[in-house]
């Protein structure tokens, strides 16, 4: 049975790259909603009614500390909806902020740089050797790892600056 994913769009063009990847992996396209399209109560009802298996929060412009930039994503990551949530870029930063971690300016902006990804061996990376794949990074903010609360765990990272 295919996984059902709710994809929350923080008004970023990369959302549809995620859409295509999720559709390919899940064998079913995700349902997309904008971060300001639903209230918190409506989002909870949607996830429960549609029986989503997970939620993905997209990248986007702005700051994870500004409600107008992340909309319903802050209460989502603070309180949860009973299914796993993956935050990408701004989505991940919102998760960090909601749980008390610090999001700070990177020592240098990383725009269009290819980096190798290392990981902890967490089950999400099953069958993928650490350091075996590359990603292109576009960011100027980072989560300060020393501020991560116990409820959040860094499972992947890049070596080098930022």
N, C-alpha and C. Protein backbone atom coordinates (compact mmCIF):
# COMPACT_ATOMS: atom_id res chain seq x y z
N UNK A 1 0.85 -1.18 0.00
CA UNK A 1 0.00 0.00 0.00
C UNK A 1 0.90 1.25 0.00
N UNK A 2 0.63 2.20 -0.87
CA UNK A 2 1.46 3.41 -0.94
C UNK A 2 1.31 4.28 0.31
N UNK A 3 2.38 4.98 0.64
CA UNK A 3 2.34 5.93 1.75
C UNK A 3 1.58 7.18 1.32
N UNK A 4 0.81 7.73 2.24
CA UNK A 4 0.08 8.98 1.98
C UNK A 4 0.80 10.11 2.69
N UNK A 5 1.26 11.08 1.93
CA UNK A 5 2.03 12.20 2.46
C UNK A 5 1.29 13.51 2.27
N UNK A 6 1.29 14.31 3.33
CA UNK A 6 0.82 15.69 3.25
C UNK A 6 2.06 16.56 3.14
N UNK A 7 2.14 17.36 2.10
CA UNK A 7 3.28 18.25 1.86
C UNK A 7 2.84 19.68 2.10
N UNK A 8 3.44 20.33 3.09
CA UNK A 8 3.09 21.72 3.41
C UNK A 8 4.06 22.63 2.67
N UNK A 9 3.51 23.47 1.82
CA UNK A 9 4.29 24.37 0.97
C UNK A 9 4.47 25.72 1.66
N UNK A 10 5.72 26.07 1.93
CA UNK A 10 6.06 27.37 2.50
C UNK A 10 6.38 28.38 1.40
N UNK A 11 5.65 28.28 0.30
CA UNK A 11 5.79 29.20 -0.83
C UNK A 11 7.21 29.20 -1.39
N UNK A 12 7.66 27.99 -1.75
CA UNK A 12 9.00 27.84 -2.30
C UNK A 12 8.93 26.97 -3.55
N UNK A 13 9.66 27.35 -4.58
CA UNK A 13 9.63 26.59 -5.84
C UNK A 13 10.18 25.18 -5.67
N UNK A 14 11.02 24.95 -4.68
CA UNK A 14 11.58 23.62 -4.45
C UNK A 14 10.52 22.62 -3.98
N UNK A 15 9.39 23.12 -3.51
CA UNK A 15 8.31 22.25 -3.05
C UNK A 15 7.95 21.23 -4.12
N UNK A 16 7.94 21.64 -5.39
CA UNK A 16 7.53 20.71 -6.43
C UNK A 16 8.64 19.74 -6.82
N UNK A 17 9.88 20.02 -6.48
CA UNK A 17 10.93 18.99 -6.58
C UNK A 17 10.63 17.90 -5.55
N UNK A 18 10.30 18.33 -4.32
CA UNK A 18 9.92 17.37 -3.28
C UNK A 18 8.68 16.59 -3.70
N UNK A 19 7.70 17.28 -4.27
CA UNK A 19 6.47 16.64 -4.74
C UNK A 19 6.80 15.48 -5.68
N UNK A 20 7.66 15.74 -6.66
CA UNK A 20 8.01 14.70 -7.63
C UNK A 20 8.75 13.54 -6.98
N UNK A 21 9.69 13.84 -6.08
CA UNK A 21 10.43 12.78 -5.40
C UNK A 21 9.51 11.94 -4.52
N UNK A 22 8.64 12.60 -3.76
CA UNK A 22 7.72 11.87 -2.89
C UNK A 22 6.78 11.00 -3.71
N UNK A 23 6.25 11.53 -4.81
CA UNK A 23 5.34 10.77 -5.67
C UNK A 23 6.04 9.53 -6.22
N UNK A 24 7.30 9.67 -6.59
CA UNK A 24 8.06 8.55 -7.13
C UNK A 24 8.31 7.48 -6.06
N UNK A 25 8.71 7.89 -4.89
CA UNK A 25 9.04 6.94 -3.82
C UNK A 25 7.78 6.30 -3.23
N UNK A 26 6.73 7.07 -3.04
CA UNK A 26 5.51 6.57 -2.41
C UNK A 26 4.54 5.89 -3.36
N UNK A 27 4.76 6.03 -4.66
CA UNK A 27 3.84 5.51 -5.68
C UNK A 27 2.49 6.22 -5.61
N UNK A 28 2.45 7.37 -4.98
CA UNK A 28 1.25 8.20 -4.90
C UNK A 28 1.69 9.64 -4.66
N UNK A 29 1.16 10.59 -5.42
CA UNK A 29 1.58 11.98 -5.19
C UNK A 29 1.08 12.49 -3.84
N UNK A 30 1.86 13.36 -3.21
CA UNK A 30 1.41 13.93 -1.94
C UNK A 30 0.30 14.94 -2.17
N UNK A 31 -0.47 15.19 -1.13
CA UNK A 31 -1.43 16.30 -1.16
C UNK A 31 -0.68 17.53 -0.69
N UNK A 32 -0.81 18.64 -1.42
CA UNK A 32 -0.09 19.87 -1.10
C UNK A 32 -1.05 20.91 -0.56
N UNK A 33 -0.66 21.54 0.56
CA UNK A 33 -1.40 22.68 1.10
C UNK A 33 -0.40 23.77 1.44
N UNK A 34 -0.80 25.02 1.26
CA UNK A 34 0.07 26.14 1.66
C UNK A 34 0.04 26.31 3.17
N UNK A 35 1.11 26.87 3.70
CA UNK A 35 1.26 27.01 5.15
C UNK A 35 0.22 27.92 5.80
N UNK A 36 -0.46 28.73 5.00
CA UNK A 36 -1.48 29.63 5.55
C UNK A 36 -2.89 29.29 5.06
N UNK A 37 -3.02 28.13 4.45
CA UNK A 37 -4.29 27.71 3.87
C UNK A 37 -5.25 27.13 4.92
N UNK A 38 -4.69 26.58 5.99
CA UNK A 38 -5.49 25.92 7.01
C UNK A 38 -5.19 26.48 8.39
N UNK A 39 -6.18 26.43 9.26
CA UNK A 39 -5.92 26.72 10.67
C UNK A 39 -5.32 25.47 11.30
N UNK A 40 -4.83 25.60 12.52
CA UNK A 40 -4.28 24.46 13.24
C UNK A 40 -5.34 23.37 13.40
N UNK A 41 -6.55 23.74 13.77
CA UNK A 41 -7.63 22.75 13.93
C UNK A 41 -7.95 22.06 12.61
N UNK A 42 -7.98 22.83 11.52
CA UNK A 42 -8.25 22.24 10.20
C UNK A 42 -7.15 21.28 9.79
N UNK A 43 -5.90 21.62 10.09
CA UNK A 43 -4.79 20.74 9.74
C UNK A 43 -4.89 19.42 10.50
N UNK A 44 -5.16 19.49 11.79
CA UNK A 44 -5.30 18.27 12.59
C UNK A 44 -6.42 17.38 12.03
N UNK A 45 -7.53 18.01 11.71
CA UNK A 45 -8.67 17.26 11.17
C UNK A 45 -8.31 16.64 9.81
N UNK A 46 -7.63 17.39 8.97
CA UNK A 46 -7.24 16.88 7.65
C UNK A 46 -6.34 15.66 7.79
N UNK A 47 -5.34 15.73 8.65
CA UNK A 47 -4.41 14.60 8.82
C UNK A 47 -5.16 13.38 9.36
N UNK A 48 -6.03 13.58 10.33
CA UNK A 48 -6.77 12.45 10.90
C UNK A 48 -7.80 11.89 9.92
N UNK A 49 -8.52 12.77 9.23
CA UNK A 49 -9.58 12.34 8.31
C UNK A 49 -9.00 11.63 7.08
N UNK A 50 -7.96 12.21 6.50
CA UNK A 50 -7.37 11.65 5.28
C UNK A 50 -6.43 10.49 5.58
N UNK A 51 -6.11 10.32 6.86
CA UNK A 51 -5.24 9.22 7.28
C UNK A 51 -3.87 9.28 6.59
N UNK A 52 -3.22 10.41 6.72
CA UNK A 52 -1.86 10.54 6.18
C UNK A 52 -0.89 9.72 7.01
N UNK A 53 0.13 9.19 6.35
CA UNK A 53 1.17 8.43 7.02
C UNK A 53 2.29 9.32 7.53
N UNK A 54 2.45 10.49 6.92
CA UNK A 54 3.52 11.41 7.30
C UNK A 54 3.24 12.80 6.75
N UNK A 55 4.01 13.75 7.25
CA UNK A 55 3.92 15.13 6.79
C UNK A 55 5.33 15.60 6.45
N UNK A 56 5.47 16.29 5.33
CA UNK A 56 6.74 16.91 4.95
C UNK A 56 6.51 18.42 4.89
N UNK A 57 7.41 19.17 5.54
CA UNK A 57 7.34 20.63 5.53
C UNK A 57 8.43 21.14 4.62
N UNK A 58 8.05 21.92 3.63
CA UNK A 58 8.97 22.37 2.58
C UNK A 58 9.91 23.48 3.03
N UNK A 59 10.90 23.76 2.19
CA UNK A 59 11.70 24.98 2.37
C UNK A 59 10.83 26.20 2.10
N UNK A 60 11.40 27.36 2.30
CA UNK A 60 10.69 28.59 2.00
C UNK A 60 11.52 29.79 2.37
N UNK A 61 11.09 30.95 1.93
CA UNK A 61 11.80 32.18 2.28
C UNK A 61 11.45 32.62 3.70
N UNK A 62 12.26 33.47 4.24
CA UNK A 62 11.95 34.06 5.54
C UNK A 62 12.63 33.37 6.69
N UNK A 63 12.06 33.56 7.86
CA UNK A 63 12.65 33.08 9.10
C UNK A 63 11.70 32.11 9.79
N UNK A 64 12.24 31.03 10.36
CA UNK A 64 11.39 30.10 11.09
C UNK A 64 10.81 30.72 12.37
N UNK A 65 11.37 31.83 12.81
CA UNK A 65 10.89 32.50 14.02
C UNK A 65 9.70 33.42 13.75
N UNK A 66 9.39 33.66 12.46
CA UNK A 66 8.29 34.56 12.11
C UNK A 66 7.07 33.76 11.68
N UNK A 67 6.02 33.86 12.45
CA UNK A 67 4.78 33.12 12.19
C UNK A 67 4.29 33.33 10.76
N UNK A 68 4.39 34.54 10.23
CA UNK A 68 3.89 34.81 8.88
C UNK A 68 4.69 34.05 7.81
N UNK A 69 5.91 33.63 8.13
CA UNK A 69 6.73 32.89 7.15
C UNK A 69 6.46 31.39 7.18
N UNK A 70 6.01 30.86 8.31
CA UNK A 70 5.82 29.41 8.44
C UNK A 70 4.39 28.98 8.73
N UNK A 71 3.52 29.94 8.99
CA UNK A 71 2.10 29.63 9.17
C UNK A 71 1.83 28.52 10.17
N UNK A 72 1.07 27.54 9.73
CA UNK A 72 0.62 26.45 10.60
C UNK A 72 1.75 25.47 10.96
N UNK A 73 2.92 25.65 10.38
CA UNK A 73 4.03 24.73 10.63
C UNK A 73 4.51 24.76 12.08
N UNK A 74 4.52 25.93 12.72
CA UNK A 74 5.01 26.00 14.10
C UNK A 74 4.15 25.17 15.06
N UNK A 75 2.82 25.33 15.08
CA UNK A 75 2.05 24.46 15.97
C UNK A 75 2.16 22.99 15.57
N UNK A 76 2.27 22.71 14.29
CA UNK A 76 2.42 21.33 13.83
C UNK A 76 3.65 20.68 14.45
N UNK A 77 4.79 21.35 14.36
CA UNK A 77 6.01 20.72 14.86
C UNK A 77 6.12 20.79 16.38
N UNK A 78 5.44 21.73 16.98
CA UNK A 78 5.47 21.83 18.45
C UNK A 78 4.59 20.76 19.10
N UNK A 79 3.40 20.54 18.53
CA UNK A 79 2.43 19.64 19.15
C UNK A 79 2.30 18.29 18.45
N UNK A 80 2.69 18.20 17.18
CA UNK A 80 2.58 16.96 16.43
C UNK A 80 1.15 16.65 16.02
N UNK A 81 1.03 15.70 15.10
CA UNK A 81 -0.28 15.27 14.62
C UNK A 81 -0.39 13.74 14.60
N UNK A 82 0.49 13.07 15.34
CA UNK A 82 0.40 11.62 15.44
C UNK A 82 1.05 10.85 14.31
N UNK A 83 1.73 11.54 13.40
CA UNK A 83 2.47 10.88 12.32
C UNK A 83 3.86 11.52 12.23
N UNK A 84 4.83 10.82 11.65
CA UNK A 84 6.16 11.41 11.50
C UNK A 84 6.13 12.68 10.66
N UNK A 85 6.99 13.64 11.03
CA UNK A 85 7.11 14.91 10.32
C UNK A 85 8.56 15.10 9.91
N UNK A 86 8.77 15.41 8.63
CA UNK A 86 10.11 15.71 8.12
C UNK A 86 10.13 17.17 7.69
N UNK A 87 11.07 17.92 8.22
CA UNK A 87 11.23 19.31 7.82
C UNK A 87 12.43 19.46 6.92
N UNK A 88 12.26 20.13 5.79
CA UNK A 88 13.35 20.38 4.85
C UNK A 88 13.66 21.87 4.89
N UNK A 89 14.89 22.22 5.18
CA UNK A 89 15.36 23.60 5.22
C UNK A 89 14.53 24.43 6.20
N UNK A 90 13.68 25.33 5.72
CA UNK A 90 12.86 26.13 6.63
C UNK A 90 12.00 25.24 7.53
N UNK A 91 11.53 24.12 7.00
CA UNK A 91 10.75 23.18 7.80
C UNK A 91 11.55 22.62 8.96
N UNK A 92 12.80 22.25 8.70
CA UNK A 92 13.68 21.74 9.75
C UNK A 92 14.00 22.84 10.75
N UNK A 93 14.23 24.05 10.25
CA UNK A 93 14.52 25.18 11.13
C UNK A 93 13.32 25.48 12.04
N UNK A 94 12.10 25.36 11.50
CA UNK A 94 10.89 25.57 12.31
C UNK A 94 10.81 24.52 13.41
N UNK A 95 11.16 23.28 13.08
CA UNK A 95 11.17 22.22 14.10
C UNK A 95 12.12 22.60 15.23
N UNK A 96 13.29 23.08 14.87
CA UNK A 96 14.30 23.45 15.87
C UNK A 96 13.80 24.59 16.75
N UNK A 97 13.31 25.65 16.12
CA UNK A 97 12.82 26.83 16.86
C UNK A 97 11.67 26.44 17.80
N UNK A 98 10.74 25.63 17.31
CA UNK A 98 9.56 25.26 18.10
C UNK A 98 9.94 24.50 19.37
N UNK A 99 11.10 23.85 19.35
CA UNK A 99 11.53 23.07 20.51
C UNK A 99 12.67 23.72 21.28
N UNK A 100 12.92 25.00 20.99
CA UNK A 100 13.88 25.76 21.80
C UNK A 100 15.31 25.79 21.31
N UNK A 101 15.60 25.20 20.17
CA UNK A 101 16.96 25.27 19.63
C UNK A 101 17.18 26.63 18.97
N UNK A 102 18.43 26.98 18.78
CA UNK A 102 18.77 28.26 18.16
C UNK A 102 19.05 28.06 16.67
N UNK A 103 18.47 28.92 15.85
CA UNK A 103 18.77 28.98 14.42
C UNK A 103 19.54 30.28 14.22
N UNK A 104 20.76 30.15 13.69
CA UNK A 104 21.67 31.30 13.59
C UNK A 104 22.19 31.42 12.16
N UNK A 105 22.78 32.58 11.87
CA UNK A 105 23.42 32.75 10.56
C UNK A 105 24.62 31.83 10.46
N UNK A 106 24.75 31.17 9.33
CA UNK A 106 25.90 30.31 9.09
C UNK A 106 27.16 31.18 9.00
N UNK A 107 28.32 30.59 9.29
CA UNK A 107 29.56 31.36 9.16
C UNK A 107 29.72 31.97 7.77
N UNK A 108 29.20 31.27 6.77
CA UNK A 108 29.17 31.79 5.40
C UNK A 108 27.95 31.21 4.70
N UNK A 109 27.31 31.98 3.82
CA UNK A 109 26.18 31.43 3.06
C UNK A 109 26.66 30.32 2.14
N UNK A 110 25.86 29.29 2.00
CA UNK A 110 26.18 28.17 1.13
C UNK A 110 25.10 28.14 0.05
N UNK A 111 25.44 28.57 -1.15
CA UNK A 111 24.46 28.62 -2.23
C UNK A 111 25.01 27.90 -3.45
N UNK A 112 24.45 26.73 -3.72
CA UNK A 112 24.86 25.97 -4.88
C UNK A 112 26.11 25.14 -4.68
N UNK A 113 26.46 24.86 -3.45
CA UNK A 113 27.67 24.08 -3.16
C UNK A 113 27.31 22.61 -2.99
N UNK A 114 28.10 21.75 -3.64
CA UNK A 114 27.91 20.31 -3.52
C UNK A 114 28.66 19.82 -2.28
N UNK A 115 27.98 19.03 -1.46
CA UNK A 115 28.57 18.50 -0.23
C UNK A 115 28.21 17.03 -0.09
N UNK A 116 29.12 16.27 0.54
CA UNK A 116 28.84 14.87 0.87
C UNK A 116 28.07 14.82 2.18
N UNK A 117 27.09 13.94 2.25
CA UNK A 117 26.27 13.80 3.45
C UNK A 117 26.77 12.61 4.27
N UNK A 118 26.97 12.86 5.54
CA UNK A 118 27.27 11.81 6.51
C UNK A 118 26.01 11.59 7.32
N UNK A 119 25.84 10.38 7.86
CA UNK A 119 24.67 10.14 8.71
C UNK A 119 25.00 9.18 9.84
N UNK A 120 24.08 9.13 10.79
CA UNK A 120 24.27 8.36 12.02
C UNK A 120 23.97 6.87 11.88
N UNK A 121 23.44 6.46 10.74
CA UNK A 121 23.01 5.08 10.58
C UNK A 121 21.55 4.88 10.96
N UNK A 122 20.84 5.97 11.24
CA UNK A 122 19.41 5.92 11.57
C UNK A 122 18.67 5.13 10.49
N UNK A 123 17.59 4.46 10.88
CA UNK A 123 16.84 3.61 9.94
C UNK A 123 16.34 4.33 8.70
N UNK A 124 16.17 5.64 8.76
CA UNK A 124 15.71 6.37 7.58
C UNK A 124 16.74 6.26 6.44
N UNK A 125 17.99 5.95 6.80
CA UNK A 125 19.06 5.82 5.80
C UNK A 125 19.40 4.36 5.50
N UNK A 126 18.50 3.46 5.80
CA UNK A 126 18.73 2.04 5.58
C UNK A 126 19.21 1.77 4.16
N UNK A 127 20.34 1.09 4.05
CA UNK A 127 20.90 0.74 2.75
C UNK A 127 21.71 1.84 2.08
N UNK A 128 21.89 2.97 2.75
CA UNK A 128 22.66 4.08 2.19
C UNK A 128 23.92 4.28 3.03
N UNK A 129 25.09 3.92 2.50
CA UNK A 129 26.31 4.12 3.28
C UNK A 129 26.57 5.60 3.54
N UNK A 130 27.01 5.92 4.75
CA UNK A 130 27.32 7.31 5.10
C UNK A 130 28.42 7.83 4.18
N UNK A 131 28.25 9.05 3.71
CA UNK A 131 29.24 9.68 2.83
C UNK A 131 29.14 9.26 1.38
N UNK A 132 28.13 8.43 1.05
CA UNK A 132 28.06 7.86 -0.30
C UNK A 132 27.26 8.70 -1.29
N UNK A 133 26.67 9.77 -0.83
CA UNK A 133 25.91 10.59 -1.78
C UNK A 133 26.16 12.06 -1.52
N UNK A 134 25.91 12.83 -2.57
CA UNK A 134 26.14 14.27 -2.51
C UNK A 134 24.83 15.01 -2.65
N UNK A 135 24.79 16.19 -2.07
CA UNK A 135 23.63 17.06 -2.18
C UNK A 135 24.11 18.45 -2.55
N UNK A 136 23.22 19.24 -3.12
CA UNK A 136 23.52 20.65 -3.38
C UNK A 136 22.83 21.45 -2.29
N UNK A 137 23.59 22.30 -1.62
CA UNK A 137 23.04 23.07 -0.49
C UNK A 137 22.81 24.52 -0.87
N UNK A 138 21.71 25.05 -0.36
CA UNK A 138 21.36 26.46 -0.52
C UNK A 138 20.84 26.95 0.82
N UNK A 139 21.67 27.56 1.64
CA UNK A 139 21.19 28.07 2.92
C UNK A 139 22.14 29.10 3.49
N UNK A 140 21.59 29.94 4.35
CA UNK A 140 22.42 30.91 5.07
C UNK A 140 22.16 30.83 6.57
N UNK A 141 21.23 29.96 6.98
CA UNK A 141 20.94 29.74 8.39
C UNK A 141 21.25 28.29 8.76
N UNK A 142 21.63 28.08 10.00
CA UNK A 142 21.91 26.73 10.50
C UNK A 142 21.33 26.58 11.90
N UNK A 143 21.05 25.35 12.28
CA UNK A 143 20.65 25.07 13.66
C UNK A 143 21.93 24.87 14.46
N UNK A 144 22.02 25.57 15.56
CA UNK A 144 23.19 25.44 16.43
C UNK A 144 23.07 24.11 17.18
N UNK A 145 23.90 23.15 16.80
CA UNK A 145 23.75 21.78 17.30
C UNK A 145 23.78 21.69 18.83
N UNK A 146 24.59 22.49 19.46
CA UNK A 146 24.70 22.41 20.93
C UNK A 146 23.40 22.83 21.63
N UNK A 147 22.47 23.46 20.89
CA UNK A 147 21.20 23.89 21.48
C UNK A 147 20.07 22.90 21.23
N UNK A 148 20.36 21.79 20.53
CA UNK A 148 19.30 20.81 20.26
C UNK A 148 18.77 20.22 21.56
N UNK A 149 17.46 20.23 21.75
CA UNK A 149 16.89 19.60 22.94
C UNK A 149 16.87 18.08 22.78
N UNK A 150 16.67 17.34 23.86
CA UNK A 150 16.66 15.87 23.78
C UNK A 150 15.62 15.30 22.81
N UNK A 151 14.54 16.04 22.55
CA UNK A 151 13.49 15.51 21.66
C UNK A 151 13.87 15.59 20.19
N UNK A 152 14.97 16.28 19.85
CA UNK A 152 15.45 16.36 18.47
C UNK A 152 16.83 15.73 18.38
N UNK A 153 17.05 15.02 17.29
CA UNK A 153 18.32 14.33 17.10
C UNK A 153 18.86 14.63 15.71
N UNK A 154 20.12 15.04 15.63
CA UNK A 154 20.77 15.22 14.33
C UNK A 154 21.11 13.84 13.79
N UNK A 155 20.56 13.49 12.64
CA UNK A 155 20.82 12.17 12.06
C UNK A 155 21.62 12.26 10.76
N UNK A 156 21.80 13.47 10.22
CA UNK A 156 22.59 13.66 9.01
C UNK A 156 23.22 15.04 9.04
N UNK A 157 24.37 15.16 8.40
CA UNK A 157 25.11 16.42 8.39
C UNK A 157 26.12 16.39 7.26
N UNK A 158 26.68 17.53 6.97
CA UNK A 158 27.76 17.63 6.00
C UNK A 158 29.02 18.06 6.73
N UNK A 159 30.16 17.71 6.18
CA UNK A 159 31.40 18.17 6.78
C UNK A 159 31.78 19.50 6.13
N UNK A 160 32.67 20.21 6.75
CA UNK A 160 33.10 21.49 6.20
C UNK A 160 32.29 22.63 6.77
N UNK A 161 32.40 23.80 6.15
CA UNK A 161 31.75 24.99 6.71
C UNK A 161 30.23 24.89 6.69
N UNK A 162 29.61 25.51 7.68
CA UNK A 162 28.14 25.63 7.80
C UNK A 162 27.46 24.30 7.86
